[in-house]
Amino acid sequence: MKCPRDDSTLLTITKSGLEVESCPTCSGLWCDANELARLAGTADDLPPTENLRLDGLKATCPVCEVGMNRRYYSQARHLLVDRCPQCRGIWLDEHELADIVKHAHDLGG
């Protein structure tokens, strides 16, 4: 698989007991469907999508090779993520996983 940001080959790493793909160049992280929820300790990968999706496709899914939807992670609107409409995988840029985990913890999971 290729990084949707810089086209580097993604490497499989283990994070919190899960195998995920990471970019050795930009440190981005690819989470297959349901993996982000497991990493963040939440029920779902993303909170409900009402009014959180943005227009325009910003990256190509490394699995399906279709344009991913860009959206805010939550109503706080401080963090943008990219999600594939087909496989429902999620691309996180460097440090976004830590921000999501903190946000989930602040909300009580």
PDB file of N, CA and C in Angstrom:
ATOM      1  N   MET A   1       0.846  -1.184   0.000  1.00  0.00           N
ATOM      2  CA  MET A   1       0.000   0.000   0.000  1.00  0.00           C
ATOM      3  C   MET A   1       0.885   1.238   0.000  1.00  0.00           C
ATOM      4  N   LYS A   2       0.338   2.301  -0.584  1.00  0.00           N
ATOM      5  CA  LYS A   2       1.071   3.555  -0.685  1.00  0.00           C
ATOM      6  C   LYS A   2       0.433   4.625   0.195  1.00  0.00           C
ATOM      7  N   CYS A   3       1.272   5.480   0.745  1.00  0.00           N
ATOM      8  CA  CYS A   3       0.811   6.589   1.577  1.00  0.00           C
ATOM      9  C   CYS A   3      -0.021   7.549   0.734  1.00  0.00           C
ATOM     10  N   PRO A   4      -1.205   7.940   1.222  1.00  0.00           N
ATOM     11  CA  PRO A   4      -2.020   8.892   0.470  1.00  0.00           C
ATOM     12  C   PRO A   4      -1.458  10.317   0.485  1.00  0.00           C
ATOM     13  N   ARG A   5      -0.480  10.592   1.300  1.00  0.00           N
ATOM     14  CA  ARG A   5       0.121  11.930   1.372  1.00  0.00           C
ATOM     15  C   ARG A   5       1.373  12.066   0.504  1.00  0.00           C
ATOM     16  N   ASP A   6       2.272  11.054   0.578  1.00  0.00           N
ATOM     17  CA  ASP A   6       3.548  11.225  -0.127  1.00  0.00           C
ATOM     18  C   ASP A   6       3.941  10.034  -1.002  1.00  0.00           C
ATOM     19  N   ASP A   7       3.040   9.063  -1.140  1.00  0.00           N
ATOM     20  CA  ASP A   7       3.235   7.901  -2.019  1.00  0.00           C
ATOM     21  C   ASP A   7       4.335   6.939  -1.561  1.00  0.00           C
ATOM     22  N   SER A   8       4.811   7.063  -0.330  1.00  0.00           N
ATOM     23  CA  SER A   8       5.782   6.111   0.212  1.00  0.00           C
ATOM     24  C   SER A   8       5.091   4.773   0.462  1.00  0.00           C
ATOM     25  N   THR A   9       5.845   3.706   0.457  1.00  0.00           N
ATOM     26  CA  THR A   9       5.292   2.393   0.779  1.00  0.00           C
ATOM     27  C   THR A   9       5.031   2.313   2.281  1.00  0.00           C
ATOM     28  N   LEU A  10       3.802   1.944   2.642  1.00  0.00           N
ATOM     29  CA  LEU A  10       3.431   1.840   4.054  1.00  0.00           C
ATOM     30  C   LEU A  10       4.016   0.570   4.657  1.00  0.00           C
ATOM     31  N   LEU A  11       4.417   0.668   5.904  1.00  0.00           N
ATOM     32  CA  LEU A  11       4.982  -0.452   6.640  1.00  0.00           C
ATOM     33  C   LEU A  11       3.977  -0.919   7.692  1.00  0.00           C
ATOM     34  N   THR A  12       3.872  -2.224   7.883  1.00  0.00           N
ATOM     35  CA  THR A  12       2.988  -2.765   8.911  1.00  0.00           C
ATOM     36  C   THR A  12       3.706  -2.697  10.258  1.00  0.00           C
ATOM     37  N   ILE A  13       3.029  -2.097  11.233  1.00  0.00           N
ATOM     38  CA  ILE A  13       3.569  -1.990  12.587  1.00  0.00           C
ATOM     39  C   ILE A  13       2.507  -2.500  13.562  1.00  0.00           C
ATOM     40  N   THR A  14       2.909  -2.775  14.776  1.00  0.00           N
ATOM     41  CA  THR A  14       1.967  -3.157  15.820  1.00  0.00           C
ATOM     42  C   THR A  14       1.813  -1.995  16.783  1.00  0.00           C
ATOM     43  N   LYS A  15       0.571  -1.578  16.978  1.00  0.00           N
ATOM     44  CA  LYS A  15       0.261  -0.466  17.874  1.00  0.00           C
ATOM     45  C   LYS A  15      -0.872  -0.931  18.772  1.00  0.00           C
ATOM     46  N   SER A  16      -0.634  -0.961  20.069  1.00  0.00           N
ATOM     47  CA  SER A  16      -1.631  -1.403  21.044  1.00  0.00           C
ATOM     48  C   SER A  16      -2.207  -2.774  20.683  1.00  0.00           C
ATOM     49  N   GLY A  17      -1.346  -3.665  20.209  1.00  0.00           N
ATOM     50  CA  GLY A  17      -1.751  -5.019  19.892  1.00  0.00           C
ATOM     51  C   GLY A  17      -2.407  -5.202  18.537  1.00  0.00           C
ATOM     52  N   LEU A  18      -2.554  -4.134  17.760  1.00  0.00           N
ATOM     53  CA  LEU A  18      -3.159  -4.208  16.428  1.00  0.00           C
ATOM     54  C   LEU A  18      -2.114  -3.973  15.358  1.00  0.00           C
ATOM     55  N   GLU A  19      -2.249  -4.664  14.250  1.00  0.00           N
ATOM     56  CA  GLU A  19      -1.384  -4.397  13.112  1.00  0.00           C
ATOM     57  C   GLU A  19      -2.027  -3.301  12.269  1.00  0.00           C
ATOM     58  N   VAL A  20      -1.309  -2.201  12.112  1.00  0.00           N
ATOM     59  CA  VAL A  20      -1.753  -1.074  11.297  1.00  0.00           C
ATOM     60  C   VAL A  20      -0.611  -0.707  10.356  1.00  0.00           C
ATOM     61  N   GLU A  21      -0.913   0.132   9.372  1.00  0.00           N
ATOM     62  CA  GLU A  21       0.108   0.546   8.418  1.00  0.00           C
ATOM     63  C   GLU A  21       0.535   1.976   8.720  1.00  0.00           C
ATOM     64  N   SER A  22       1.833   2.191   8.641  1.00  0.00           N
ATOM     65  CA  SER A  22       2.408   3.491   8.967  1.00  0.00           C
ATOM     66  C   SER A  22       3.324   3.945   7.835  1.00  0.00           C
ATOM     67  N   CYS A  23       3.367   5.246   7.613  1.00  0.00           N
ATOM     68  CA  CYS A  23       4.256   5.799   6.603  1.00  0.00           C
ATOM     69  C   CYS A  23       5.605   6.131   7.251  1.00  0.00           C
ATOM     70  N   PRO A  24       6.701   5.589   6.715  1.00  0.00           N
ATOM     71  CA  PRO A  24       8.019   5.869   7.297  1.00  0.00           C
ATOM     72  C   PRO A  24       8.490   7.296   7.028  1.00  0.00           C
ATOM     73  N   THR A  25       7.859   7.988   6.093  1.00  0.00           N
ATOM     74  CA  THR A  25       8.275   9.345   5.732  1.00  0.00           C
ATOM     75  C   THR A  25       7.509  10.419   6.505  1.00  0.00           C
ATOM     76  N   CYS A  26       6.162  10.346   6.469  1.00  0.00           N
ATOM     77  CA  CYS A  26       5.356  11.404   7.103  1.00  0.00           C
ATOM     78  C   CYS A  26       4.774  10.984   8.444  1.00  0.00           C
ATOM     79  N   SER A  27       4.951   9.722   8.832  1.00  0.00           N
ATOM     80  CA  SER A  27       4.447   9.167  10.095  1.00  0.00           C
ATOM     81  C   SER A  27       2.929   9.099  10.177  1.00  0.00           C
ATOM     82  N   GLY A  28       2.254   9.147   9.019  1.00  0.00           N
ATOM     83  CA  GLY A  28       0.816   8.956   8.996  1.00  0.00           C
ATOM     84  C   GLY A  28       0.474   7.511   9.321  1.00  0.00           C
ATOM     85  N   LEU A  29      -0.809   7.253   9.588  1.00  0.00           N
ATOM     86  CA  LEU A  29      -1.244   5.938  10.037  1.00  0.00           C
ATOM     87  C   LEU A  29      -2.530   5.550   9.322  1.00  0.00           C
ATOM     88  N   TRP A  30      -2.563   4.337   8.780  1.00  0.00           N
ATOM     89  CA  TRP A  30      -3.772   3.805   8.148  1.00  0.00           C
ATOM     90  C   TRP A  30      -4.432   2.819   9.098  1.00  0.00           C
ATOM     91  N   CYS A  31      -5.721   3.056   9.357  1.00  0.00           N
ATOM     92  CA  CYS A  31      -6.520   2.159  10.196  1.00  0.00           C
ATOM     93  C   CYS A  31      -7.622   1.560   9.350  1.00  0.00           C
ATOM     94  N   ASP A  32      -7.661   0.230   9.272  1.00  0.00           N
ATOM     95  CA  ASP A  32      -8.784  -0.430   8.613  1.00  0.00           C
ATOM     96  C   ASP A  32     -10.040  -0.165   9.431  1.00  0.00           C
ATOM     97  N   ALA A  33     -11.198  -0.458   8.846  1.00  0.00           N
ATOM     98  CA  ALA A  33     -12.472  -0.260   9.548  1.00  0.00           C
ATOM     99  C   ALA A  33     -12.430  -0.922  10.924  1.00  0.00           C
ATOM    100  N   ASN A  34     -12.892  -0.218  11.922  1.00  0.00           N
ATOM    101  CA  ASN A  34     -12.999  -0.639  13.330  1.00  0.00           C
ATOM    102  C   ASN A  34     -11.684  -0.614  14.106  1.00  0.00           C
ATOM    103  N   GLU A  35     -10.567  -0.389  13.445  1.00  0.00           N
ATOM    104  CA  GLU A  35      -9.294  -0.343  14.169  1.00  0.00           C
ATOM    105  C   GLU A  35      -9.124   0.949  14.967  1.00  0.00           C
ATOM    106  N   LEU A  36      -9.591   2.070  14.423  1.00  0.00           N
ATOM    107  CA  LEU A  36      -9.461   3.323  15.165  1.00  0.00           C
ATOM    108  C   LEU A  36     -10.249   3.244  16.469  1.00  0.00           C
ATOM    109  N   ALA A  37     -11.433   2.665  16.434  1.00  0.00           N
ATOM    110  CA  ALA A  37     -12.236   2.509  17.654  1.00  0.00           C
ATOM    111  C   ALA A  37     -11.484   1.687  18.697  1.00  0.00           C
ATOM    112  N   ARG A  38     -10.833   0.633  18.242  1.00  0.00           N
ATOM    113  CA  ARG A  38     -10.077  -0.209  19.173  1.00  0.00           C
ATOM    114  C   ARG A  38      -8.877   0.540  19.741  1.00  0.00           C
ATOM    115  N   LEU A  39      -8.205   1.316  18.911  1.00  0.00           N
ATOM    116  CA  LEU A  39      -7.041   2.076  19.382  1.00  0.00           C
ATOM    117  C   LEU A  39      -7.442   3.208  20.332  1.00  0.00           C
ATOM    118  N   ALA A  40      -8.588   3.836  20.049  1.00  0.00           N
ATOM    119  CA  ALA A  40      -9.032   4.978  20.849  1.00  0.00           C
ATOM    120  C   ALA A  40      -9.879   4.568  22.045  1.00  0.00           C
ATOM    121  N   GLY A  41     -10.320   3.314  22.088  1.00  0.00           N
ATOM    122  CA  GLY A  41     -11.169   2.872  23.186  1.00  0.00           C
ATOM    123  C   GLY A  41     -12.579   3.420  23.090  1.00  0.00           C
ATOM    124  N   THR A  42     -13.086   3.556  21.857  1.00  0.00           N
ATOM    125  CA  THR A  42     -14.433   4.077  21.635  1.00  0.00           C
ATOM    126  C   THR A  42     -15.302   3.004  20.999  1.00  0.00           C
ATOM    127  N   ALA A  43     -16.608   3.235  20.971  1.00  0.00           N
ATOM    128  CA  ALA A  43     -17.536   2.261  20.399  1.00  0.00           C
ATOM    129  C   ALA A  43     -17.452   2.218  18.877  1.00  0.00           C
ATOM    130  N   ASP A  44     -17.205   3.361  18.254  1.00  0.00           N
ATOM    131  CA  ASP A  44     -17.154   3.458  16.796  1.00  0.00           C
ATOM    132  C   ASP A  44     -15.885   4.190  16.376  1.00  0.00           C
ATOM    133  N   ASP A  45     -15.488   3.976  15.120  1.00  0.00           N
ATOM    134  CA  ASP A  45     -14.314   4.686  14.604  1.00  0.00           C
ATOM    135  C   ASP A  45     -14.493   6.193  14.687  1.00  0.00           C
ATOM    136  N   LEU A  46     -15.666   6.662  14.283  1.00  0.00           N
ATOM    137  CA  LEU A  46     -15.952   8.097  14.261  1.00  0.00           C
ATOM    138  C   LEU A  46     -17.300   8.368  14.899  1.00  0.00           C
ATOM    139  N   PRO A  47     -17.425   9.485  15.583  1.00  0.00           N
ATOM    140  CA  PRO A  47     -18.735   9.874  16.096  1.00  0.00           C
ATOM    141  C   PRO A  47     -19.709  10.096  14.929  1.00  0.00           C
ATOM    142  N   PRO A  48     -21.011  10.209  15.205  1.00  0.00           N
ATOM    143  CA  PRO A  48     -21.989  10.452  14.136  1.00  0.00           C
ATOM    144  C   PRO A  48     -21.563  11.599  13.219  1.00  0.00           C
ATOM    145  N   THR A  49     -21.943  11.508  11.944  1.00  0.00           N
ATOM    146  CA  THR A  49     -21.405  12.412  10.930  1.00  0.00           C
ATOM    147  C   THR A  49     -22.216  13.668  10.643  1.00  0.00           C
ATOM    148  N   GLU A  50     -23.257  13.940  11.381  1.00  0.00           N
ATOM    149  CA  GLU A  50     -24.071  15.112  11.086  1.00  0.00           C
ATOM    150  C   GLU A  50     -23.231  16.379  11.029  1.00  0.00           C
ATOM    151  N   ASN A  51     -23.292  17.047   9.884  1.00  0.00           N
ATOM    152  CA  ASN A  51     -22.636  18.345   9.671  1.00  0.00           C
ATOM    153  C   ASN A  51     -21.124  18.342   9.900  1.00  0.00           C
ATOM    154  N   LEU A  52     -20.492  17.186   9.849  1.00  0.00           N
ATOM    155  CA  LEU A  52     -19.048  17.142  10.089  1.00  0.00           C
ATOM    156  C   LEU A  52     -18.245  16.905   8.810  1.00  0.00           C
ATOM    157  N   ARG A  53     -18.918  16.524   7.730  1.00  0.00           N
ATOM    158  CA  ARG A  53     -18.227  16.214   6.490  1.00  0.00           C
ATOM    159  C   ARG A  53     -17.952  17.487   5.701  1.00  0.00           C
ATOM    160  N   LEU A  54     -16.783  17.539   5.075  1.00  0.00           N
ATOM    161  CA  LEU A  54     -16.413  18.672   4.242  1.00  0.00           C
ATOM    162  C   LEU A  54     -16.518  18.267   2.772  1.00  0.00           C
ATOM    163  N   ASP A  55     -16.717  19.246   1.912  1.00  0.00           N
ATOM    164  CA  ASP A  55     -16.758  18.968   0.483  1.00  0.00           C
ATOM    165  C   ASP A  55     -15.339  18.785  -0.023  1.00  0.00           C
ATOM    166  N   GLY A  56     -15.220  17.981  -1.048  1.00  0.00           N
ATOM    167  CA  GLY A  56     -13.918  17.797  -1.676  1.00  0.00           C
ATOM    168  C   GLY A  56     -13.185  16.580  -1.150  1.00  0.00           C
ATOM    169  N   LEU A  57     -12.490  15.928  -2.040  1.00  0.00           N
ATOM    170  CA  LEU A  57     -11.709  14.756  -1.698  1.00  0.00           C
ATOM    171  C   LEU A  57     -10.254  15.175  -1.614  1.00  0.00           C
ATOM    172  N   LYS A  58      -9.573  14.811  -0.528  1.00  0.00           N
ATOM    173  CA  LYS A  58      -8.210  15.287  -0.305  1.00  0.00           C
ATOM    174  C   LYS A  58      -7.147  14.218  -0.450  1.00  0.00           C
ATOM    175  N   ALA A  59      -7.532  12.954  -0.441  1.00  0.00           N
ATOM    176  CA  ALA A  59      -6.539  11.888  -0.498  1.00  0.00           C
ATOM    177  C   ALA A  59      -7.174  10.672  -1.151  1.00  0.00           C
ATOM    178  N   THR A  60      -6.337   9.761  -1.626  1.00  0.00           N
ATOM    179  CA  THR A  60      -6.799   8.531  -2.246  1.00  0.00           C
ATOM    180  C   THR A  60      -6.583   7.371  -1.277  1.00  0.00           C
ATOM    181  N   CYS A  61      -7.594   6.538  -1.127  1.00  0.00           N
ATOM    182  CA  CYS A  61      -7.514   5.379  -0.232  1.00  0.00           C
ATOM    183  C   CYS A  61      -6.395   4.448  -0.685  1.00  0.00           C
ATOM    184  N   PRO A  62      -5.500   4.073   0.232  1.00  0.00           N
ATOM    185  CA  PRO A  62      -4.417   3.163  -0.142  1.00  0.00           C
ATOM    186  C   PRO A  62      -4.883   1.729  -0.411  1.00  0.00           C
ATOM    187  N   VAL A  63      -6.107   1.394  -0.010  1.00  0.00           N
ATOM    188  CA  VAL A  63      -6.641   0.052  -0.232  1.00  0.00           C
ATOM    189  C   VAL A  63      -7.497   0.020  -1.499  1.00  0.00           C
ATOM    190  N   CYS A  64      -8.479   0.906  -1.584  1.00  0.00           N
ATOM    191  CA  CYS A  64      -9.458   0.898  -2.676  1.00  0.00           C
ATOM    192  C   CYS A  64      -9.071   1.796  -3.849  1.00  0.00           C
ATOM    193  N   GLU A  65      -8.172   2.726  -3.600  1.00  0.00           N
ATOM    194  CA  GLU A  65      -7.733   3.703  -4.594  1.00  0.00           C
ATOM    195  C   GLU A  65      -8.872   4.593  -5.085  1.00  0.00           C
ATOM    196  N   VAL A  66      -9.802   4.928  -4.188  1.00  0.00           N
ATOM    197  CA  VAL A  66     -10.854   5.896  -4.474  1.00  0.00           C
ATOM    198  C   VAL A  66     -10.628   7.118  -3.589  1.00  0.00           C
ATOM    199  N   GLY A  67     -11.245   8.227  -3.946  1.00  0.00           N
ATOM    200  CA  GLY A  67     -11.102   9.436  -3.147  1.00  0.00           C
ATOM    201  C   GLY A  67     -11.737   9.273  -1.778  1.00  0.00           C
ATOM    202  N   MET A  68     -11.017   9.698  -0.762  1.00  0.00           N
ATOM    203  CA  MET A  68     -11.538   9.612   0.606  1.00  0.00           C
ATOM    204  C   MET A  68     -12.263  10.908   0.961  1.00  0.00           C
ATOM    205  N   ASN A  69     -13.252  10.789   1.835  1.00  0.00           N
ATOM    206  CA  ASN A  69     -13.978  11.946   2.336  1.00  0.00           C
ATOM    207  C   ASN A  69     -13.225  12.558   3.506  1.00  0.00           C
ATOM    208  N   ARG A  70     -13.149  13.872   3.516  1.00  0.00           N
ATOM    209  CA  ARG A  70     -12.503  14.588   4.610  1.00  0.00           C
ATOM    210  C   ARG A  70     -13.603  15.058   5.548  1.00  0.00           C
ATOM    211  N   ARG A  71     -13.393  14.859   6.843  1.00  0.00           N
ATOM    212  CA  ARG A  71     -14.410  15.280   7.812  1.00  0.00           C
ATOM    213  C   ARG A  71     -13.766  15.590   9.145  1.00  0.00           C
ATOM    214  N   TYR A  72     -14.508  16.325   9.962  1.00  0.00           N
ATOM    215  CA  TYR A  72     -14.068  16.577  11.322  1.00  0.00           C
ATOM    216  C   TYR A  72     -14.285  15.315  12.138  1.00  0.00           C
ATOM    217  N   TYR A  73     -13.389  15.063  13.074  1.00  0.00           N
ATOM    218  CA  TYR A  73     -13.535  13.890  13.923  1.00  0.00           C
ATOM    219  C   TYR A  73     -14.751  14.032  14.836  1.00  0.00           C
ATOM    220  N   SER A  74     -14.984  15.236  15.356  1.00  0.00           N
ATOM    221  CA  SER A  74     -16.083  15.427  16.305  1.00  0.00           C
ATOM    222  C   SER A  74     -16.649  16.834  16.181  1.00  0.00           C
ATOM    223  N   GLN A  75     -17.669  17.096  16.984  1.00  0.00           N
ATOM    224  CA  GLN A  75     -18.297  18.425  16.998  1.00  0.00           C
ATOM    225  C   GLN A  75     -17.322  19.526  17.415  1.00  0.00           C
ATOM    226  N   ALA A  76     -16.246  19.172  18.095  1.00  0.00           N
ATOM    227  CA  ALA A  76     -15.254  20.179  18.503  1.00  0.00           C
ATOM    228  C   ALA A  76     -14.574  20.812  17.293  1.00  0.00           C
ATOM    229  N   ARG A  77     -14.588  20.122  16.151  1.00  0.00           N
ATOM    230  CA  ARG A  77     -14.073  20.625  14.875  1.00  0.00           C
ATOM    231  C   ARG A  77     -12.617  21.072  14.939  1.00  0.00           C
ATOM    232  N   HIS A  78     -11.809  20.372  15.705  1.00  0.00           N
ATOM    233  CA  HIS A  78     -10.395  20.739  15.777  1.00  0.00           C
ATOM    234  C   HIS A  78      -9.494  19.741  15.049  1.00  0.00           C
ATOM    235  N   LEU A  79     -10.063  18.642  14.582  1.00  0.00           N
ATOM    236  CA  LEU A  79      -9.252  17.584  14.000  1.00  0.00           C
ATOM    237  C   LEU A  79      -9.934  17.045  12.750  1.00  0.00           C
ATOM    238  N   LEU A  80      -9.197  17.039  11.624  1.00  0.00           N
ATOM    239  CA  LEU A  80      -9.716  16.513  10.371  1.00  0.00           C
ATOM    240  C   LEU A  80      -9.123  15.137  10.104  1.00  0.00           C
ATOM    241  N   VAL A  81      -9.954  14.221   9.629  1.00  0.00           N
ATOM    242  CA  VAL A  81      -9.491  12.887   9.238  1.00  0.00           C
ATOM    243  C   VAL A  81     -10.030  12.592   7.851  1.00  0.00           C
ATOM    244  N   ASP A  82      -9.431  11.601   7.194  1.00  0.00           N
ATOM    245  CA  ASP A  82      -9.872  11.173   5.868  1.00  0.00           C
ATOM    246  C   ASP A  82     -10.396   9.746   5.979  1.00  0.00           C
ATOM    247  N   ARG A  83     -11.606   9.507   5.431  1.00  0.00           N
ATOM    248  CA  ARG A  83     -12.220   8.183   5.522  1.00  0.00           C
ATOM    249  C   ARG A  83     -12.643   7.707   4.135  1.00  0.00           C
ATOM    250  N   CYS A  84     -12.340   6.461   3.849  1.00  0.00           N
ATOM    251  CA  CYS A  84     -12.714   5.865   2.576  1.00  0.00           C
ATOM    252  C   CYS A  84     -14.207   5.517   2.600  1.00  0.00           C
ATOM    253  N   PRO A  85     -14.963   5.959   1.587  1.00  0.00           N
ATOM    254  CA  PRO A  85     -16.391   5.635   1.560  1.00  0.00           C
ATOM    255  C   PRO A  85     -16.664   4.164   1.236  1.00  0.00           C
ATOM    256  N   GLN A  86     -15.669   3.466   0.686  1.00  0.00           N
ATOM    257  CA  GLN A  86     -15.859   2.057   0.326  1.00  0.00           C
ATOM    258  C   GLN A  86     -15.487   1.114   1.454  1.00  0.00           C
ATOM    259  N   CYS A  87     -14.217   1.100   1.850  1.00  0.00           N
ATOM    260  CA  CYS A  87     -13.759   0.133   2.863  1.00  0.00           C
ATOM    261  C   CYS A  87     -13.881   0.689   4.277  1.00  0.00           C
ATOM    262  N   ARG A  88     -14.170   1.992   4.398  1.00  0.00           N
ATOM    263  CA  ARG A  88     -14.358   2.691   5.678  1.00  0.00           C
ATOM    264  C   ARG A  88     -13.071   2.785   6.503  1.00  0.00           C
ATOM    265  N   GLY A  89     -11.931   2.576   5.850  1.00  0.00           N
ATOM    266  CA  GLY A  89     -10.649   2.793   6.505  1.00  0.00           C
ATOM    267  C   GLY A  89     -10.416   4.274   6.728  1.00  0.00           C
ATOM    268  N   ILE A  90      -9.514   4.597   7.652  1.00  0.00           N
ATOM    269  CA  ILE A  90      -9.274   5.995   8.025  1.00  0.00           C
ATOM    270  C   ILE A  90      -7.782   6.294   7.987  1.00  0.00           C
ATOM    271  N   TRP A  91      -7.434   7.422   7.359  1.00  0.00           N
ATOM    272  CA  TRP A  91      -6.050   7.895   7.332  1.00  0.00           C
ATOM    273  C   TRP A  91      -5.898   8.977   8.405  1.00  0.00           C
ATOM    274  N   LEU A  92      -4.879   8.813   9.234  1.00  0.00           N
ATOM    275  CA  LEU A  92      -4.561   9.800  10.260  1.00  0.00           C
ATOM    276  C   LEU A  92      -3.178  10.358   9.982  1.00  0.00           C
ATOM    277  N   ASP A  93      -3.075  11.677   9.973  1.00  0.00           N
ATOM    278  CA  ASP A  93      -1.770  12.302   9.845  1.00  0.00           C
ATOM    279  C   ASP A  93      -1.044  12.181  11.177  1.00  0.00           C
ATOM    280  N   GLU A  94       0.245  12.474  11.154  1.00  0.00           N
ATOM    281  CA  GLU A  94       1.079  12.368  12.354  1.00  0.00           C
ATOM    282  C   GLU A  94       0.428  13.072  13.541  1.00  0.00           C
ATOM    283  N   HIS A  95       0.416  12.460  14.686  1.00  0.00           N
ATOM    284  CA  HIS A  95      -0.094  12.967  15.971  1.00  0.00           C
ATOM    285  C   HIS A  95      -1.620  12.962  16.084  1.00  0.00           C
ATOM    286  N   GLU A  96      -2.357  12.677  14.998  1.00  0.00           N
ATOM    287  CA  GLU A  96      -3.814  12.699  15.102  1.00  0.00           C
ATOM    288  C   GLU A  96      -4.352  11.577  15.986  1.00  0.00           C
ATOM    289  N   LEU A  97      -3.712  10.415  15.976  1.00  0.00           N
ATOM    290  CA  LEU A  97      -4.172   9.336  16.856  1.00  0.00           C
ATOM    291  C   LEU A  97      -4.086   9.770  18.310  1.00  0.00           C
ATOM    292  N   ALA A  98      -3.006  10.395  18.698  1.00  0.00           N
ATOM    293  CA  ALA A  98      -2.857  10.861  20.081  1.00  0.00           C
ATOM    294  C   ALA A  98      -3.941  11.887  20.421  1.00  0.00           C
ATOM    295  N   ASP A  99      -4.260  12.773  19.489  1.00  0.00           N
ATOM    296  CA  ASP A  99      -5.314  13.763  19.714  1.00  0.00           C
ATOM    297  C   ASP A  99      -6.679  13.086  19.866  1.00  0.00           C
ATOM    298  N   ILE A 100      -6.935  12.067  19.049  1.00  0.00           N
ATOM    299  CA  ILE A 100      -8.210  11.343  19.125  1.00  0.00           C
ATOM    300  C   ILE A 100      -8.320  10.592  20.446  1.00  0.00           C
ATOM    301  N   VAL A 101      -7.268   9.928  20.854  1.00  0.00           N
ATOM    302  CA  VAL A 101      -7.269   9.194  22.127  1.00  0.00           C
ATOM    303  C   VAL A 101      -7.518  10.170  23.284  1.00  0.00           C
ATOM    304  N   LYS A 102      -6.859  11.331  23.258  1.00  0.00           N
ATOM    305  CA  LYS A 102      -7.064  12.334  24.313  1.00  0.00           C
ATOM    306  C   LYS A 102      -8.515  12.821  24.303  1.00  0.00           C
ATOM    307  N   HIS A 103      -9.034  13.103  23.123  1.00  0.00           N
ATOM    308  CA  HIS A 103     -10.407  13.588  23.001  1.00  0.00           C
ATOM    309  C   HIS A 103     -11.388  12.540  23.538  1.00  0.00           C
ATOM    310  N   ALA A 104     -11.200  11.276  23.158  1.00  0.00           N
ATOM    311  CA  ALA A 104     -12.067  10.198  23.633  1.00  0.00           C
ATOM    312  C   ALA A 104     -12.004  10.066  25.152  1.00  0.00           C
ATOM    313  N   HIS A 105     -10.778  10.185  25.701  1.00  0.00           N
ATOM    314  CA  HIS A 105     -10.613  10.094  27.154  1.00  0.00           C
ATOM    315  C   HIS A 105     -11.308  11.260  27.852  1.00  0.00           C
ATOM    316  N   ASP A 106     -11.183  12.454  27.295  1.00  0.00           N
ATOM    317  CA  ASP A 106     -11.833  13.642  27.875  1.00  0.00           C
ATOM    318  C   ASP A 106     -13.344  13.506  27.893  1.00  0.00           C
ATOM    319  N   LEU A 107     -13.892  12.785  26.883  1.00  0.00           N
ATOM    320  CA  LEU A 107     -15.344  12.587  26.810  1.00  0.00           C
ATOM    321  C   LEU A 107     -15.793  11.355  27.591  1.00  0.00           C
ATOM    322  N   GLY A 108     -14.840  10.645  28.145  1.00  0.00           N
ATOM    323  CA  GLY A 108     -15.179   9.457  28.920  1.00  0.00           C
ATOM    324  C   GLY A 108     -15.333   8.203  28.091  1.00  0.00           C
ATOM    325  N   GLY A 109     -14.617   8.153  26.906  1.00  0.00           N
ATOM    326  CA  GLY A 109     -14.647   6.952  26.064  1.00  0.00           C
ATOM    327  C   GLY A 109     -15.746   6.995  25.123  1.00  0.00           C
TER     328      GLY A 109
END
